[in-house]
């Protein structure tokens, strides 16, 4: 799902596919434009497609490998993009939920379910030849008959 396919859709269809309204998507895009670094190698995907990539990860909980195959980028690129966009959007106050005190004082009933299903990279020990102990053939005892 690329942004060029979604530009001309109706707002309710856009929200159904992405999880956010077109106005919220535009707000996210402007916040990301303000805070993304403008140096270094340009990314393979435009900002709108990278934002859709992140929304797809957060909404559908697809694996980063599948999303990477969909957009033609590596799994590491998907992980880096999601983490970068998440940190930028969390720093902006417009995307925060109201605090516990505000919710208790209001008369409105909210039904909010938050699920943290992010992929975390595993740290595994590196394989190298220094970790193994080698013995010479002459050092091993021979069988006695």
Foldseek 3Di string as FASTA:
>chain_A
DAVVVVVPDDQVVNCVLQVDGPVVLVVLLVLCVVPPDPDDDDDPDDPSRLVSLLSCCQPVVDQLCVSCVVVVHHSVVNVVSNVVSVVSVVVDPVPDDDDPVVVVPDPDDDDDDDDDDDDDDDDDDDDDPVVDDDDDPVPDDDDDD
